Amino acid sequence: MDKGTIIRTIMLLLALVNQFLVIYGKSPLPIDSLLAEHVVSGLFTVVTTLTAWFKNNYVTKTGMKQRKTLIEKGLTKKKKRRKNIRK
């Protein structure tokens, strides 16, 4: 098995154990629903923001090389500047 499969399997087992504990009234995380809502909302915002920023920008060394190659081969959309022509 690869590393990703092992991690996903462990996370699945933790989720199942957590679900059984909740079913039997043994909440492993003693937090109220409002705090849970804020935490989930905050995590969603942070993950979404970082993913969008990372995916849409060339921030890694590989990404910078890709950008350079795209520019060299003329594969990027560059906005052409218009000269102000006054009559």
N, C-alpha and C. Protein backbone atom coordinates (compact mmCIF):
# COMPACT_ATOMS: atom_id res chain seq x y z
N MET A 1 0.84 -1.19 0.00
CA MET A 1 0.00 0.00 0.00
C MET A 1 0.88 1.24 0.00
N ASP A 2 0.38 2.27 -0.65
CA ASP A 2 1.13 3.52 -0.66
C ASP A 2 0.78 4.36 0.57
N LYS A 3 1.52 5.41 0.75
CA LYS A 3 1.38 6.28 1.93
C LYS A 3 -0.02 6.89 2.03
N GLY A 4 -0.55 7.36 0.89
CA GLY A 4 -1.88 7.98 0.87
C GLY A 4 -2.98 7.01 1.31
N THR A 5 -2.88 5.76 0.85
CA THR A 5 -3.87 4.75 1.23
C THR A 5 -3.83 4.48 2.72
N ILE A 6 -2.64 4.41 3.28
CA ILE A 6 -2.50 4.15 4.71
C ILE A 6 -3.10 5.31 5.52
N ILE A 7 -2.80 6.53 5.12
CA ILE A 7 -3.34 7.69 5.83
C ILE A 7 -4.86 7.74 5.74
N ARG A 8 -5.41 7.51 4.54
CA ARG A 8 -6.88 7.52 4.39
C ARG A 8 -7.53 6.41 5.21
N THR A 9 -6.89 5.24 5.29
CA THR A 9 -7.44 4.14 6.08
C THR A 9 -7.45 4.48 7.56
N ILE A 10 -6.37 5.07 8.05
CA ILE A 10 -6.30 5.46 9.45
C ILE A 10 -7.36 6.51 9.76
N MET A 11 -7.51 7.50 8.88
CA MET A 11 -8.52 8.54 9.10
C MET A 11 -9.93 7.95 9.09
N LEU A 12 -10.18 6.99 8.22
CA LEU A 12 -11.48 6.32 8.18
C LEU A 12 -11.74 5.58 9.49
N LEU A 13 -10.74 4.88 9.99
CA LEU A 13 -10.91 4.17 11.26
C LEU A 13 -11.17 5.14 12.41
N LEU A 14 -10.45 6.25 12.44
CA LEU A 14 -10.70 7.25 13.48
C LEU A 14 -12.12 7.81 13.39
N ALA A 15 -12.58 8.06 12.17
CA ALA A 15 -13.95 8.58 11.99
C ALA A 15 -14.98 7.56 12.46
N LEU A 16 -14.75 6.28 12.17
CA LEU A 16 -15.68 5.24 12.60
C LEU A 16 -15.70 5.10 14.12
N VAL A 17 -14.53 5.13 14.75
CA VAL A 17 -14.46 5.05 16.21
C VAL A 17 -15.18 6.25 16.81
N ASN A 18 -14.94 7.42 16.27
CA ASN A 18 -15.60 8.63 16.75
C ASN A 18 -17.12 8.51 16.62
N GLN A 19 -17.58 7.98 15.50
CA GLN A 19 -19.03 7.84 15.28
C GLN A 19 -19.65 6.89 16.30
N PHE A 20 -18.98 5.78 16.57
CA PHE A 20 -19.51 4.84 17.56
C PHE A 20 -19.52 5.46 18.96
N LEU A 21 -18.51 6.24 19.29
CA LEU A 21 -18.49 6.91 20.59
C LEU A 21 -19.64 7.90 20.70
N VAL A 22 -19.92 8.63 19.64
CA VAL A 22 -21.03 9.58 19.65
C VAL A 22 -22.36 8.85 19.79
N ILE A 23 -22.52 7.74 19.09
CA ILE A 23 -23.76 6.95 19.16
C ILE A 23 -24.03 6.51 20.59
N TYR A 24 -22.99 6.12 21.31
CA TYR A 24 -23.16 5.63 22.67
C TYR A 24 -23.01 6.72 23.73
N GLY A 25 -23.04 7.98 23.30
CA GLY A 25 -23.05 9.09 24.25
C GLY A 25 -21.71 9.42 24.87
N LYS A 26 -20.65 8.98 24.31
CA LYS A 26 -19.31 9.26 24.82
C LYS A 26 -18.59 10.19 23.85
N SER A 27 -18.92 11.45 23.88
CA SER A 27 -18.33 12.39 22.95
C SER A 27 -16.85 12.59 23.27
N PRO A 28 -15.97 12.25 22.33
CA PRO A 28 -14.54 12.40 22.58
C PRO A 28 -14.09 13.86 22.54
N LEU A 29 -14.88 14.71 21.92
CA LEU A 29 -14.56 16.14 21.83
C LEU A 29 -15.64 16.94 22.53
N PRO A 30 -15.41 17.31 23.79
CA PRO A 30 -16.44 18.03 24.53
C PRO A 30 -16.53 19.51 24.13
N ILE A 31 -17.13 19.76 22.97
CA ILE A 31 -17.31 21.14 22.50
C ILE A 31 -18.77 21.34 22.15
N ASP A 32 -19.22 22.57 22.25
CA ASP A 32 -20.61 22.85 21.90
C ASP A 32 -20.74 23.05 20.39
N SER A 33 -21.96 23.05 19.90
CA SER A 33 -22.19 23.11 18.46
C SER A 33 -21.77 24.45 17.86
N LEU A 34 -21.88 25.54 18.61
CA LEU A 34 -21.49 26.84 18.09
C LEU A 34 -19.98 26.89 17.84
N LEU A 35 -19.21 26.38 18.78
CA LEU A 35 -17.76 26.34 18.61
C LEU A 35 -17.40 25.45 17.42
N ALA A 36 -18.05 24.32 17.31
CA ALA A 36 -17.79 23.41 16.19
C ALA A 36 -18.09 24.10 14.86
N GLU A 37 -19.18 24.85 14.81
CA GLU A 37 -19.55 25.56 13.59
C GLU A 37 -18.48 26.58 13.22
N HIS A 38 -17.98 27.32 14.21
CA HIS A 38 -16.94 28.32 13.95
C HIS A 38 -15.64 27.66 13.49
N VAL A 39 -15.29 26.55 14.11
CA VAL A 39 -14.05 25.86 13.74
C VAL A 39 -14.15 25.32 12.32
N VAL A 40 -15.26 24.67 11.99
CA VAL A 40 -15.44 24.11 10.65
C VAL A 40 -15.46 25.23 9.61
N SER A 41 -16.16 26.30 9.90
CA SER A 41 -16.22 27.43 8.98
C SER A 41 -14.83 28.04 8.77
N GLY A 42 -14.11 28.22 9.83
CA GLY A 42 -12.77 28.78 9.74
C GLY A 42 -11.82 27.89 8.95
N LEU A 43 -11.86 26.59 9.23
CA LEU A 43 -11.01 25.65 8.51
C LEU A 43 -11.35 25.64 7.02
N PHE A 44 -12.65 25.65 6.71
CA PHE A 44 -13.08 25.66 5.32
C PHE A 44 -12.53 26.90 4.60
N THR A 45 -12.63 28.04 5.25
CA THR A 45 -12.15 29.29 4.65
C THR A 45 -10.65 29.25 4.43
N VAL A 46 -9.91 28.81 5.43
CA VAL A 46 -8.45 28.77 5.32
C VAL A 46 -8.01 27.79 4.23
N VAL A 47 -8.58 26.60 4.22
CA VAL A 47 -8.20 25.59 3.22
C VAL A 47 -8.56 26.06 1.81
N THR A 48 -9.75 26.60 1.65
CA THR A 48 -10.18 27.08 0.34
C THR A 48 -9.30 28.23 -0.14
N THR A 49 -8.99 29.16 0.76
CA THR A 49 -8.16 30.31 0.39
C THR A 49 -6.76 29.86 -0.02
N LEU A 50 -6.14 29.01 0.78
CA LEU A 50 -4.79 28.55 0.46
C LEU A 50 -4.76 27.73 -0.82
N THR A 51 -5.77 26.89 -1.02
CA THR A 51 -5.82 26.09 -2.23
C THR A 51 -5.97 26.98 -3.47
N ALA A 52 -6.88 27.93 -3.40
CA ALA A 52 -7.09 28.82 -4.55
C ALA A 52 -5.84 29.65 -4.82
N TRP A 53 -5.20 30.15 -3.80
CA TRP A 53 -4.00 30.96 -3.97
C TRP A 53 -2.87 30.12 -4.56
N PHE A 54 -2.67 28.92 -4.00
CA PHE A 54 -1.57 28.06 -4.42
C PHE A 54 -1.77 27.56 -5.85
N LYS A 55 -3.01 27.19 -6.19
CA LYS A 55 -3.28 26.65 -7.51
C LYS A 55 -3.25 27.72 -8.59
N ASN A 56 -3.61 28.94 -8.28
CA ASN A 56 -3.72 29.99 -9.28
C ASN A 56 -2.48 30.87 -9.39
N ASN A 57 -1.46 30.56 -8.64
CA ASN A 57 -0.24 31.35 -8.69
C ASN A 57 0.95 30.41 -8.81
N TYR A 58 1.99 30.91 -9.39
CA TYR A 58 3.20 30.12 -9.57
C TYR A 58 4.14 30.40 -8.39
N VAL A 59 3.94 29.73 -7.27
CA VAL A 59 4.68 30.02 -6.05
C VAL A 59 5.79 29.01 -5.76
N THR A 60 5.75 27.85 -6.37
CA THR A 60 6.80 26.87 -6.14
C THR A 60 7.87 27.01 -7.21
N LYS A 61 9.01 26.39 -6.99
CA LYS A 61 10.07 26.42 -8.00
C LYS A 61 9.60 25.80 -9.31
N THR A 62 8.87 24.70 -9.20
CA THR A 62 8.34 24.05 -10.40
C THR A 62 7.35 24.97 -11.10
N GLY A 63 6.50 25.62 -10.34
CA GLY A 63 5.53 26.55 -10.92
C GLY A 63 6.20 27.71 -11.63
N MET A 64 7.28 28.22 -11.06
CA MET A 64 8.00 29.33 -11.68
C MET A 64 8.64 28.88 -13.00
N LYS A 65 9.15 27.65 -13.01
CA LYS A 65 9.71 27.12 -14.25
C LYS A 65 8.61 26.95 -15.30
N GLN A 66 7.44 26.48 -14.87
CA GLN A 66 6.33 26.32 -15.80
C GLN A 66 5.92 27.66 -16.38
N ARG A 67 5.85 28.67 -15.55
CA ARG A 67 5.46 30.02 -16.01
C ARG A 67 6.47 30.54 -17.03
N LYS A 68 7.75 30.35 -16.73
CA LYS A 68 8.79 30.81 -17.64
C LYS A 68 8.67 30.10 -18.99
N THR A 69 8.43 28.79 -18.95
CA THR A 69 8.27 28.03 -20.19
C THR A 69 7.05 28.50 -20.97
N LEU A 70 5.95 28.75 -20.27
CA LEU A 70 4.74 29.24 -20.94
C LEU A 70 4.98 30.57 -21.64
N ILE A 71 5.70 31.45 -20.97
CA ILE A 71 5.98 32.76 -21.55
C ILE A 71 6.91 32.61 -22.76
N GLU A 72 7.94 31.78 -22.63
CA GLU A 72 8.88 31.57 -23.73
C GLU A 72 8.20 31.00 -24.97
N LYS A 73 7.23 30.14 -24.77
CA LYS A 73 6.56 29.50 -25.90
C LYS A 73 5.33 30.27 -26.36
N GLY A 74 5.05 31.39 -25.73
CA GLY A 74 3.92 32.22 -26.13
C GLY A 74 2.57 31.60 -25.82
N LEU A 75 2.48 30.86 -24.75
CA LEU A 75 1.23 30.17 -24.40
C LEU A 75 0.43 30.87 -23.31
N THR A 76 0.85 32.06 -22.92
CA THR A 76 0.10 32.77 -21.89
C THR A 76 -0.78 33.82 -22.53
N LYS A 77 -1.81 34.18 -21.80
CA LYS A 77 -2.70 35.25 -22.27
C LYS A 77 -2.16 36.55 -21.72
N LYS A 78 -1.59 37.31 -22.57
CA LYS A 78 -1.09 38.62 -22.15
C LYS A 78 -2.04 39.67 -22.67
N LYS A 79 -2.32 40.61 -21.82
CA LYS A 79 -3.17 41.72 -22.24
C LYS A 79 -2.33 42.68 -23.07
N LYS A 80 -2.82 42.97 -24.23
CA LYS A 80 -2.11 43.90 -25.09
C LYS A 80 -2.48 45.31 -24.67
N ARG A 81 -1.47 46.13 -24.56
CA ARG A 81 -1.72 47.52 -24.21
C ARG A 81 -2.13 48.29 -25.45
N ARG A 82 -3.14 49.06 -25.29
CA ARG A 82 -3.59 49.91 -26.38
C ARG A 82 -2.99 51.29 -26.20
N LYS A 83 -2.56 51.85 -27.27
CA LYS A 83 -2.06 53.20 -27.22
C LYS A 83 -3.24 54.15 -27.34
N ASN A 84 -3.22 55.17 -26.56
CA ASN A 84 -4.27 56.18 -26.67
C ASN A 84 -4.06 56.96 -27.96
N ILE A 85 -4.98 56.81 -28.84
CA ILE A 85 -4.91 57.51 -30.11
C ILE A 85 -5.96 58.61 -30.07
N ARG A 86 -5.49 59.81 -30.15
CA ARG A 86 -6.41 60.94 -30.13
C ARG A 86 -6.51 61.50 -31.53
N LYS A 87 -7.71 61.77 -31.92
CA LYS A 87 -7.93 62.34 -33.27
C LYS A 87 -7.93 63.82 -33.22
